[in-house]
């Protein structure tokens, strides 16, 4: 790779730029978010140098809280929406802090940004080496989102704090309602930013990404935000001694989440290893299952699938050829088109039976069992797997024998059994949309390939590396 190409790749990875034409880039909305966060960060540093730190003891206490939460943050796992609940609660509590043990606080929005910036960077550096492997890719978006959410909460809270908190009960109730409203708006802001940064990093449509984030909002995310508000109120009354009281349960929760995500990652690796059995035994070309799974998940994202549907789609794509292990002799290149229709159906049913023994959701087995059916009788996930499988059969780079046949497993007429280019493969698939492929799935595949998604790790419901990496 040339130095210029490497520089372009770094630029795209950091700012989420997407090619818009020859020699030009289109910077999406998330690029504006990075720019605003950078301006806020620079302004906060300049403000600190000019005016110093207001109430440094309070700033240090909350900075340590955020740094500890970031340092204890485990590897970002697929589907994990809030891997650092302690840090998130600490950021929100400092942004909404009006008093400390009865004394009014004097820090402003820029100091909140400075504390969040310094603590997040310090915590990221303090993480174990094994958890810093993806730090260059994850940290810019994570840090920008932290700064923007903290600034949003502080800017909304400062006018109320500056006006003073009324003492009568009616005003106190209004103050509580205001905090609840601010909590909801802050959580919504965080959700919108998460989806925007994932959109810039992956190129997937914004609407399904936002829908995934909104679905996850009522879970641990809302609980963490509420804890941040309660933490701020507790510090108002009891002082900084309230921080350890609320921090310990959140820290234990964070460690439990990290262990749970480790178990999930091990389970996914087990499924991927099982899927490689057909490759090791010589039934399918090397890397075929991983490529099909990565491409299928990308197409599913493009079509608006999310959450459990993407999990089902990935697992089914990984294990769609597992039934071929029942064959005495492997079929050349794993192409079952040469087999009678009844044999193809038997292989699909046996594959579904094997999948049911792995403990994955029953819907995964259904997708595998339906691979030999006409596409109009298949669920959408099965149609996606069929099309992704067909595309990889055509472009997998494996030498193919000459021969003609209709591949009921992949749904493509395989004329010359040799690798073809992507445009030729897409044309083959379009010609087969009358019987073997759903047109919408093929066009979604074309859009995914146009963005080059196949060459990267495919993010999952949480936007963080869900599914296997494409091998090419």
Protein backbone atom coordinates (compact mmCIF):
# COMPACT_ATOMS: atom_id res chain seq x y z
CA UNK A 1 0.00 0.00 0.00
CA UNK A 2 1.36 3.42 -0.95
CA UNK A 3 1.75 6.21 1.58
CA UNK A 4 -0.96 8.21 -0.18
CA UNK A 5 -3.40 5.29 -0.07
CA UNK A 6 -2.67 4.75 3.61
CA UNK A 7 -3.26 8.44 4.29
CA UNK A 8 -6.60 8.33 2.45
CA UNK A 9 -7.62 5.26 4.46
CA UNK A 10 -6.75 7.01 7.72
CA UNK A 11 -8.77 10.05 6.65
CA UNK A 12 -11.81 7.93 5.83
CA UNK A 13 -11.54 5.97 9.06
CA UNK A 14 -11.26 9.07 11.25
CA UNK A 15 -13.80 11.37 9.62
CA UNK A 16 -16.16 8.82 8.07
CA UNK A 17 -15.66 10.22 4.57
CA UNK A 18 -17.18 8.34 1.70
CA UNK A 19 -16.20 8.60 -1.96
CA UNK A 20 -18.64 10.81 -3.86
CA UNK A 21 -16.89 10.77 -7.17
CA UNK A 22 -13.50 10.50 -8.76
CA UNK A 23 -10.99 12.36 -6.63
CA UNK A 24 -13.55 13.78 -4.19
CA UNK A 25 -15.02 12.98 -0.80
CA UNK A 26 -18.38 13.53 0.80
CA UNK A 27 -18.16 14.10 4.57
CA UNK A 28 -21.38 12.92 6.26
CA UNK A 29 -23.16 14.50 9.20
CA UNK A 30 -20.91 12.69 11.68
CA UNK A 31 -18.00 14.70 10.27
CA UNK A 32 -19.73 17.81 11.60
CA UNK A 33 -19.93 16.11 14.99
CA UNK A 34 -16.19 15.45 14.97
CA UNK A 35 -15.57 19.07 14.03
CA UNK A 36 -17.81 20.46 16.78
CA UNK A 37 -16.22 18.17 19.36
CA UNK A 38 -12.74 19.26 18.26
CA UNK A 39 -13.69 22.94 18.55
CA UNK A 40 -15.18 22.38 22.00
CA UNK A 41 -12.08 20.51 23.12
CA UNK A 42 -9.72 23.25 21.92
CA UNK A 43 -11.89 25.96 23.46
CA UNK A 44 -11.91 24.09 26.78
CA UNK A 45 -8.11 23.82 26.83
CA UNK A 46 -7.69 27.52 26.01
CA UNK A 47 -10.26 28.47 28.68
CA UNK A 48 -8.37 26.40 31.25
CA UNK A 49 -5.04 28.03 30.36
CA UNK A 50 -6.52 31.50 30.62
CA UNK A 51 -8.87 31.17 33.62
CA UNK A 52 -7.58 28.08 35.40
CA UNK A 53 -9.65 25.28 36.95
CA UNK A 54 -12.63 26.25 39.11
CA UNK A 55 -12.96 24.14 42.27
CA UNK A 56 -10.14 21.75 41.31
CA UNK A 57 -11.00 19.24 44.05
CA UNK A 58 -14.46 18.58 42.60
CA UNK A 59 -13.07 18.45 39.06
CA UNK A 60 -10.40 15.97 40.14
CA UNK A 61 -12.90 13.71 41.92
CA UNK A 62 -15.20 13.47 38.92
CA UNK A 63 -12.25 13.18 36.55
CA UNK A 64 -10.94 10.19 38.49
CA UNK A 65 -14.41 8.64 38.45
CA UNK A 66 -14.66 8.93 34.66
CA UNK A 67 -11.08 7.73 34.16
CA UNK A 68 -11.62 4.65 36.34
CA UNK A 69 -14.79 3.84 34.39
CA UNK A 70 -12.95 4.14 31.08
CA UNK A 71 -9.99 2.09 32.31
CA UNK A 72 -12.30 -0.69 33.52
CA UNK A 73 -14.08 -0.71 30.19
CA UNK A 74 -13.63 -4.09 28.56
CA UNK A 75 -13.29 -4.76 24.83
CA UNK A 76 -16.20 -3.33 22.88
CA UNK A 77 -18.35 -6.37 22.12
CA UNK A 78 -21.01 -6.83 19.45
CA UNK A 79 -24.36 -5.55 20.62
CA UNK A 80 -22.91 -3.78 23.67
CA UNK A 81 -24.53 -0.34 23.75
CA UNK A 82 -23.00 0.86 27.04
CA UNK A 83 -19.62 -0.75 27.81
CA UNK A 84 -18.65 1.99 30.33
CA UNK A 85 -21.66 2.74 32.56
CA UNK A 86 -19.52 4.14 35.38
CA UNK A 87 -17.86 6.70 33.12
CA UNK A 88 -21.17 7.65 31.50
CA UNK A 89 -22.85 8.24 34.85
CA UNK A 90 -19.85 10.27 36.05
CA UNK A 91 -19.91 12.50 32.97
CA UNK A 92 -23.62 13.18 33.31
CA UNK A 93 -23.37 13.79 37.07
CA UNK A 94 -20.63 16.40 36.64
CA UNK A 95 -22.53 18.14 33.83
CA UNK A 96 -25.65 18.37 36.04
CA UNK A 97 -23.89 19.28 39.28
CA UNK A 98 -25.21 22.54 40.73
CA UNK A 99 -24.06 22.27 44.35
CA UNK A 100 -21.63 20.20 46.37
CA UNK A 101 -22.56 19.71 50.03
CA UNK A 102 -24.70 22.84 49.94
CA UNK A 103 -22.07 25.03 48.25
CA UNK A 104 -22.76 26.30 44.74
CA UNK A 105 -20.44 25.02 42.05
CA UNK A 106 -18.79 27.46 39.65
CA UNK A 107 -17.56 25.27 36.81
CA UNK A 108 -19.03 25.98 33.41
CA UNK A 109 -19.64 24.02 30.25
CA UNK A 110 -16.07 24.36 28.96
CA UNK A 111 -14.65 22.95 32.19
CA UNK A 112 -17.03 20.01 31.94
CA UNK A 113 -15.72 19.40 28.41
CA UNK A 114 -12.10 19.64 29.62
CA UNK A 115 -12.62 17.17 32.47
CA UNK A 116 -14.39 14.71 30.16
CA UNK A 117 -11.68 15.04 27.51
CA UNK A 118 -8.77 14.54 29.91
CA UNK A 119 -10.41 11.73 31.90
CA UNK A 120 -11.51 9.79 28.81
CA UNK A 121 -8.04 9.95 27.29
CA UNK A 122 -6.39 8.98 30.59
CA UNK A 123 -8.75 6.05 31.08
CA UNK A 124 -8.23 4.84 27.52
CA UNK A 125 -4.45 4.85 27.93
CA UNK A 126 -4.74 3.00 31.26
CA UNK A 127 -6.71 0.12 29.75
CA UNK A 128 -4.93 -3.26 29.49
CA UNK A 129 -2.91 -3.77 26.33
CA UNK A 130 -5.24 -6.52 25.06
CA UNK A 131 -8.17 -4.08 25.21
CA UNK A 132 -6.33 -1.33 23.31
CA UNK A 133 -6.04 -3.16 20.00
CA UNK A 134 -9.04 -1.39 18.47
CA UNK A 135 -8.41 1.89 20.31
CA UNK A 136 -7.31 3.93 17.25
CA UNK A 137 -10.51 2.95 15.46
CA UNK A 138 -12.91 3.36 18.38
CA UNK A 139 -11.50 6.27 20.39
CA UNK A 140 -12.20 9.22 18.01
CA UNK A 141 -15.93 8.51 17.79
CA UNK A 142 -16.22 7.53 21.46
CA UNK A 143 -14.41 10.67 22.62
CA UNK A 144 -16.38 12.95 20.29
CA UNK A 145 -19.67 11.49 21.50
CA UNK A 146 -18.62 11.88 25.15
CA UNK A 147 -17.74 15.56 24.61
CA UNK A 148 -20.91 16.38 22.68
CA UNK A 149 -23.26 14.66 25.15
CA UNK A 150 -21.55 16.29 28.16
CA UNK A 151 -21.67 19.71 26.51
CA UNK A 152 -25.34 19.26 25.59
CA UNK A 153 -26.31 18.35 29.15
CA UNK A 154 -24.24 21.16 30.67
CA UNK A 155 -25.55 23.81 28.28
CA UNK A 156 -29.14 22.81 29.01
CA UNK A 157 -28.54 22.74 32.78
CA UNK A 158 -26.51 25.94 33.21
CA UNK A 159 -29.41 28.44 32.79
CA UNK A 160 -31.40 26.70 35.54
CA UNK A 161 -28.37 26.54 37.81
CA UNK A 162 -27.55 30.21 37.24
CA UNK A 163 -31.10 31.25 38.18
CA UNK A 164 -30.92 29.40 41.50
CA UNK A 165 -33.04 26.51 42.77
CA UNK A 166 -36.36 27.66 44.26
CA UNK A 167 -37.24 26.50 47.71
CA UNK A 168 -41.04 26.06 47.58
CA UNK A 169 -42.38 22.54 46.95
CA UNK A 170 -44.11 23.45 43.67
CA UNK A 171 -40.88 24.80 42.24
CA UNK A 172 -39.04 21.77 43.59
CA UNK A 173 -41.41 19.49 41.69
CA UNK A 174 -40.87 21.55 38.55
CA UNK A 175 -37.11 21.22 39.07
CA UNK A 176 -37.43 17.43 39.27
CA UNK A 177 -39.55 17.36 36.11
CA UNK A 178 -36.97 19.52 34.37
CA UNK A 179 -34.20 17.07 35.30
CA UNK A 180 -36.29 14.17 33.98
CA UNK A 181 -36.88 16.01 30.72
CA UNK A 182 -33.20 16.87 30.47
CA UNK A 183 -32.36 13.22 31.13
CA UNK A 184 -34.62 12.10 28.28
CA UNK A 185 -33.20 14.70 25.89
CA UNK A 186 -29.62 13.77 26.78
CA UNK A 187 -30.30 10.07 26.25
CA UNK A 188 -31.91 10.88 22.89
CA UNK A 189 -28.94 13.04 21.91
CA UNK A 190 -26.57 10.21 22.76
CA UNK A 191 -28.65 7.77 20.72
CA UNK A 192 -28.70 10.02 17.66
CA UNK A 193 -24.94 10.54 17.88
CA UNK A 194 -24.25 6.83 18.24
CA UNK A 195 -26.21 6.07 15.09
CA UNK A 196 -24.57 8.95 13.19
CA UNK A 197 -21.04 7.84 14.05
CA UNK A 198 -21.86 4.23 13.18
CA UNK A 199 -23.28 5.45 9.87
CA UNK A 200 -20.07 7.30 9.06
CA UNK A 201 -17.91 4.31 10.03
CA UNK A 202 -19.86 1.58 8.25
CA UNK A 203 -21.79 3.30 5.47
CA UNK A 204 -25.00 1.50 6.41
CA UNK A 205 -28.35 3.32 6.17
CA UNK A 206 -28.99 5.66 9.08
CA UNK A 207 -32.64 4.73 9.72
CA UNK A 208 -32.10 1.06 10.75
CA UNK A 209 -29.05 2.03 12.81
CA UNK A 210 -31.10 4.65 14.66
CA UNK A 211 -33.91 2.16 15.15
CA UNK A 212 -31.48 -0.31 16.75
CA UNK A 213 -30.21 2.34 19.12
CA UNK A 214 -33.71 3.46 20.06
CA UNK A 215 -34.69 -0.13 20.83
CA UNK A 216 -31.73 -0.44 23.19
CA UNK A 217 -32.42 2.88 24.91
CA UNK A 218 -34.92 1.58 27.54
CA UNK A 219 -32.39 -0.99 28.78
CA UNK A 220 -29.14 -0.25 30.62
CA UNK A 221 -28.63 3.10 28.88
CA UNK A 222 -31.60 4.74 30.56
CA UNK A 223 -30.67 3.21 33.92
CA UNK A 224 -27.14 4.59 33.68
CA UNK A 225 -28.40 8.08 32.77
CA UNK A 226 -30.83 8.00 35.70
CA UNK A 227 -28.00 6.97 38.02
CA UNK A 228 -25.98 9.94 36.82
CA UNK A 229 -28.81 12.32 37.74
CA UNK A 230 -29.26 10.69 41.16
CA UNK A 231 -25.49 10.86 41.72
CA UNK A 232 -25.52 14.60 41.04
CA UNK A 233 -28.40 15.11 43.49
CA UNK A 234 -26.63 13.01 46.13
CA UNK A 235 -23.42 15.04 45.82
CA UNK A 236 -25.50 18.19 46.21
CA UNK A 237 -26.56 17.01 49.67
CA UNK A 238 -23.77 14.75 50.94
CA UNK A 239 -20.75 16.07 49.06
CA UNK A 240 -18.11 14.05 47.25
CA UNK A 241 -18.49 11.15 49.71
CA UNK A 242 -21.58 10.16 47.74
CA UNK A 243 -19.46 9.24 44.73
CA UNK A 244 -18.03 5.96 46.12
CA UNK A 245 -21.48 4.89 47.31
CA UNK A 246 -22.92 5.09 43.79
CA UNK A 247 -19.73 4.12 41.96
CA UNK A 248 -19.21 0.69 43.49
CA UNK A 249 -22.50 -0.86 42.25
CA UNK A 250 -21.91 0.60 38.77
CA UNK A 251 -18.36 -0.72 38.70
CA UNK A 252 -19.54 -4.22 39.66
CA UNK A 253 -22.23 -4.00 36.97
CA UNK A 254 -19.61 -2.99 34.43
CA UNK A 255 -17.38 -5.93 35.31
CA UNK A 256 -20.35 -8.29 35.06
CA UNK A 257 -21.20 -6.91 31.62
CA UNK A 258 -17.61 -7.45 30.49
CA UNK A 259 -17.73 -11.08 31.61
CA UNK A 260 -21.05 -11.61 29.86
CA UNK A 261 -19.72 -10.14 26.61
CA UNK A 262 -16.65 -12.39 26.88
CA UNK A 263 -18.94 -15.42 27.06
CA UNK A 264 -20.91 -14.18 24.05
CA UNK A 265 -17.70 -13.68 22.07
CA UNK A 266 -16.56 -17.21 22.91
CA UNK A 267 -19.93 -18.57 21.75
CA UNK A 268 -19.65 -16.75 18.44
CA UNK A 269 -16.14 -18.10 17.95
CA UNK A 270 -17.46 -21.61 18.58
CA UNK A 271 -20.13 -21.15 15.90
CA UNK A 272 -17.53 -19.82 13.47
CA UNK A 273 -15.25 -22.79 14.20
CA UNK A 274 -18.11 -25.22 13.58
CA UNK A 275 -18.82 -23.49 10.28
CA UNK A 276 -15.22 -24.11 9.19
CA UNK A 277 -15.71 -27.86 9.43
CA UNK A 278 -16.88 -28.00 5.82
CA UNK A 279 -13.79 -26.08 4.70
CA UNK A 280 -11.37 -28.24 6.67
CA UNK A 281 -12.99 -31.40 5.30
CA UNK A 282 -12.69 -30.07 1.76
CA UNK A 283 -16.43 -29.67 1.09
CA UNK A 284 -16.33 -25.88 0.52
CA UNK A 285 -13.60 -23.42 -0.53
CA UNK A 286 -11.50 -21.83 2.24
CA UNK A 287 -13.05 -18.70 3.74
CA UNK A 288 -16.38 -19.22 1.98
CA UNK A 289 -18.54 -19.27 5.13
CA UNK A 290 -16.90 -16.18 6.59
CA UNK A 291 -17.25 -14.22 3.37
CA UNK A 292 -20.90 -15.19 2.96
CA UNK A 293 -21.66 -14.26 6.59
CA UNK A 294 -19.95 -10.86 6.34
CA UNK A 295 -21.72 -10.06 3.09
CA UNK A 296 -25.10 -11.32 4.31
CA UNK A 297 -25.01 -9.17 7.45
CA UNK A 298 -24.08 -6.12 5.36
CA UNK A 299 -26.99 -6.76 3.00
CA UNK A 300 -29.32 -7.33 5.95
CA UNK A 301 -28.29 -3.96 7.36
CA UNK A 302 -28.94 -2.38 4.00
CA UNK A 303 -32.46 -3.84 3.97
CA UNK A 304 -33.21 -2.55 7.46
CA UNK A 305 -32.72 -5.68 9.56
CA UNK A 306 -31.39 -5.29 13.08
CA UNK A 307 -31.07 -6.88 16.48
CA UNK A 308 -32.03 -10.55 16.62
CA UNK A 309 -32.63 -10.74 12.86
CA UNK A 310 -28.98 -9.91 12.20
CA UNK A 311 -27.84 -12.52 14.70
CA UNK A 312 -29.98 -15.15 12.98
CA UNK A 313 -28.70 -14.03 9.60
CA UNK A 314 -25.05 -14.22 10.58
CA UNK A 315 -25.28 -17.66 12.19
CA UNK A 316 -27.30 -19.07 9.31
CA UNK A 317 -24.85 -17.71 6.76
CA UNK A 318 -21.94 -19.25 8.65
CA UNK A 319 -23.56 -22.68 8.79
CA UNK A 320 -25.56 -22.77 5.56
CA UNK A 321 -23.30 -25.51 4.08
CA UNK A 322 -23.03 -27.65 7.21
CA UNK A 323 -25.35 -30.31 5.72
CA UNK A 324 -22.72 -31.19 3.12
CA UNK A 325 -20.87 -33.11 5.80
CA UNK A 326 -23.42 -35.88 5.20
CA UNK A 327 -22.03 -36.48 1.71
CA UNK A 328 -19.70 -39.45 1.24
CA UNK A 329 -17.72 -37.58 -1.42
CA UNK A 330 -17.47 -33.79 -1.53
CA UNK A 331 -19.09 -31.96 -4.42
CA UNK A 332 -16.55 -29.95 -6.41
CA UNK A 333 -16.29 -26.42 -4.94
CA UNK A 334 -19.28 -27.16 -2.69
CA UNK A 335 -21.69 -26.58 -5.60
CA UNK A 336 -24.69 -28.84 -4.98
CA UNK A 337 -26.25 -28.00 -8.36
CA UNK A 338 -24.94 -31.28 -9.75
CA UNK A 339 -27.03 -33.22 -7.24
CA UNK A 340 -30.69 -34.18 -7.71
CA UNK A 341 -33.25 -31.84 -6.16
CA UNK A 342 -34.22 -34.45 -3.57
CA UNK A 343 -30.57 -34.74 -2.50
CA UNK A 344 -30.24 -30.98 -2.22
CA UNK A 345 -33.32 -30.92 -0.02
CA UNK A 346 -31.95 -33.73 2.14
CA UNK A 347 -28.67 -31.88 2.64
CA UNK A 348 -30.52 -28.73 3.68
CA UNK A 349 -32.68 -30.63 6.18
CA UNK A 350 -29.67 -32.40 7.64
CA UNK A 351 -27.91 -29.08 7.95
CA UNK A 352 -30.88 -27.69 9.86
CA UNK A 353 -30.83 -30.72 12.17
CA UNK A 354 -27.16 -30.13 12.95
CA UNK A 355 -27.77 -26.45 13.59
CA UNK A 356 -30.54 -27.24 16.06
CA UNK A 357 -28.04 -29.16 18.18
CA UNK A 358 -25.77 -26.12 18.59
CA UNK A 359 -28.18 -24.20 20.82
CA UNK A 360 -28.62 -21.25 18.45
CA UNK A 361 -32.12 -19.80 17.95
CA UNK A 362 -34.49 -22.11 16.05
CA UNK A 363 -34.87 -19.45 13.35
CA UNK A 364 -31.26 -20.13 12.31
CA UNK A 365 -32.09 -23.77 11.58
CA UNK A 366 -35.15 -22.67 9.59
CA UNK A 367 -32.99 -20.48 7.35
CA UNK A 368 -30.57 -23.34 6.72
CA UNK A 369 -33.39 -25.80 6.02
CA UNK A 370 -35.04 -23.46 3.52
CA UNK A 371 -31.97 -22.90 1.34
CA UNK A 372 -33.17 -25.43 -1.25
CA UNK A 373 -36.67 -23.87 -1.51
CA UNK A 374 -37.78 -21.37 -4.18
CA UNK A 375 -36.98 -17.87 -2.99
CA UNK A 376 -40.63 -16.80 -2.90
CA UNK A 377 -41.24 -19.47 -0.23
CA UNK A 378 -38.27 -18.38 1.89
CA UNK A 379 -38.09 -15.85 4.72
CA UNK A 380 -36.09 -12.72 3.97
CA UNK A 381 -33.06 -13.93 5.90
CA UNK A 382 -32.91 -17.11 3.79
CA UNK A 383 -33.14 -15.05 0.59
CA UNK A 384 -30.23 -12.91 1.73
CA UNK A 385 -28.08 -15.95 2.52
CA UNK A 386 -28.91 -17.47 -0.86
CA UNK A 387 -27.88 -14.33 -2.75
CA UNK A 388 -24.71 -13.77 -0.72
CA UNK A 389 -23.76 -17.41 -1.18
CA UNK A 390 -24.36 -17.18 -4.92
CA UNK A 391 -22.23 -14.07 -5.23
CA UNK A 392 -19.33 -15.68 -3.39
CA UNK A 393 -19.66 -18.80 -5.52
CA UNK A 394 -19.20 -16.62 -8.58
CA UNK A 395 -16.42 -14.37 -7.30
CA UNK A 396 -14.75 -16.49 -4.62
CA UNK A 397 -11.49 -16.69 -6.56
CA UNK A 398 -11.56 -20.49 -6.71
CA UNK A 399 -10.79 -22.30 -9.96
CA UNK A 400 -14.00 -23.81 -11.30
CA UNK A 401 -14.66 -26.58 -13.69
CA UNK A 402 -16.53 -25.97 -16.89
CA UNK A 403 -20.11 -27.06 -16.80
CA UNK A 404 -23.65 -25.82 -16.95
CA UNK A 405 -26.29 -26.17 -14.31
CA UNK A 406 -28.82 -24.35 -12.17
CA UNK A 407 -27.50 -24.12 -8.61
CA UNK A 408 -30.54 -24.53 -6.36
CA UNK A 409 -28.40 -24.00 -3.27
CA UNK A 410 -26.95 -20.73 -4.52
CA UNK A 411 -29.73 -19.97 -6.95
CA UNK A 412 -27.51 -19.09 -9.91
CA UNK A 413 -26.90 -20.70 -13.22
CA UNK A 414 -23.20 -21.58 -13.00
CA UNK A 415 -21.97 -21.60 -16.51
CA UNK A 416 -18.19 -21.42 -16.61
CA UNK A 417 -17.04 -22.69 -13.28
CA UNK A 418 -14.44 -20.01 -12.70
CA UNK A 419 -14.25 -16.78 -10.75
CA UNK A 420 -15.77 -13.74 -12.41
CA UNK A 421 -15.62 -10.03 -11.65
CA UNK A 422 -18.15 -8.32 -9.39
CA UNK A 423 -20.07 -6.59 -12.23
CA UNK A 424 -20.41 -9.87 -14.10
CA UNK A 425 -21.55 -11.66 -10.95
CA UNK A 426 -24.16 -9.00 -10.24
CA UNK A 427 -25.43 -9.26 -13.80
CA UNK A 428 -25.74 -13.04 -13.34
CA UNK A 429 -27.77 -12.50 -10.19
CA UNK A 430 -30.02 -9.91 -11.85
CA UNK A 431 -30.74 -12.31 -14.68
CA UNK A 432 -31.80 -14.90 -12.09
CA UNK A 433 -34.22 -12.63 -10.21
CA UNK A 434 -37.21 -14.10 -12.03
CA UNK A 435 -36.88 -17.41 -10.20
CA UNK A 436 -33.90 -17.67 -7.91
CA UNK A 437 -33.33 -14.28 -6.25
CA UNK A 438 -35.42 -11.47 -4.87
CA UNK A 439 -34.66 -8.30 -6.89
CA UNK A 440 -34.56 -6.09 -3.79
CA UNK A 441 -31.92 -8.32 -2.21
CA UNK A 442 -29.75 -8.24 -5.32
CA UNK A 443 -29.93 -4.45 -5.53
CA UNK A 444 -29.10 -4.15 -1.83
CA UNK A 445 -26.07 -6.35 -2.48
CA UNK A 446 -25.03 -4.05 -5.33
CA UNK A 447 -25.21 -1.00 -3.04
CA UNK A 448 -23.19 -2.75 -0.34
CA UNK A 449 -20.50 -3.73 -2.84
CA UNK A 450 -20.40 -0.19 -4.23
CA UNK A 451 -19.44 1.05 -0.76
CA UNK A 452 -16.77 -1.58 -0.33
CA UNK A 453 -18.35 -2.94 2.87
CA UNK A 454 -17.29 -6.47 2.15
CA UNK A 455 -13.65 -5.76 2.79
CA UNK A 456 -14.23 -4.67 6.38
CA UNK A 457 -15.52 -6.13 9.59
CA UNK A 458 -19.29 -6.06 9.48
CA UNK A 459 -20.80 -4.29 12.48
CA UNK A 460 -23.64 -5.83 14.22
CA UNK A 461 -26.57 -4.53 16.20
CA UNK A 462 -24.29 -2.53 18.31
CA UNK A 463 -22.27 -1.34 15.45
CA UNK A 464 -19.04 -2.77 16.80
CA UNK A 465 -17.58 -5.54 14.74
CA UNK A 466 -20.55 -7.87 14.80
CA UNK A 467 -19.94 -11.04 12.84
CA UNK A 468 -16.86 -12.46 11.16
CA UNK A 469 -14.40 -10.49 9.15
CA UNK A 470 -14.38 -10.97 5.44
CA UNK A 471 -11.29 -12.80 4.41
CA UNK A 472 -10.62 -10.66 1.41
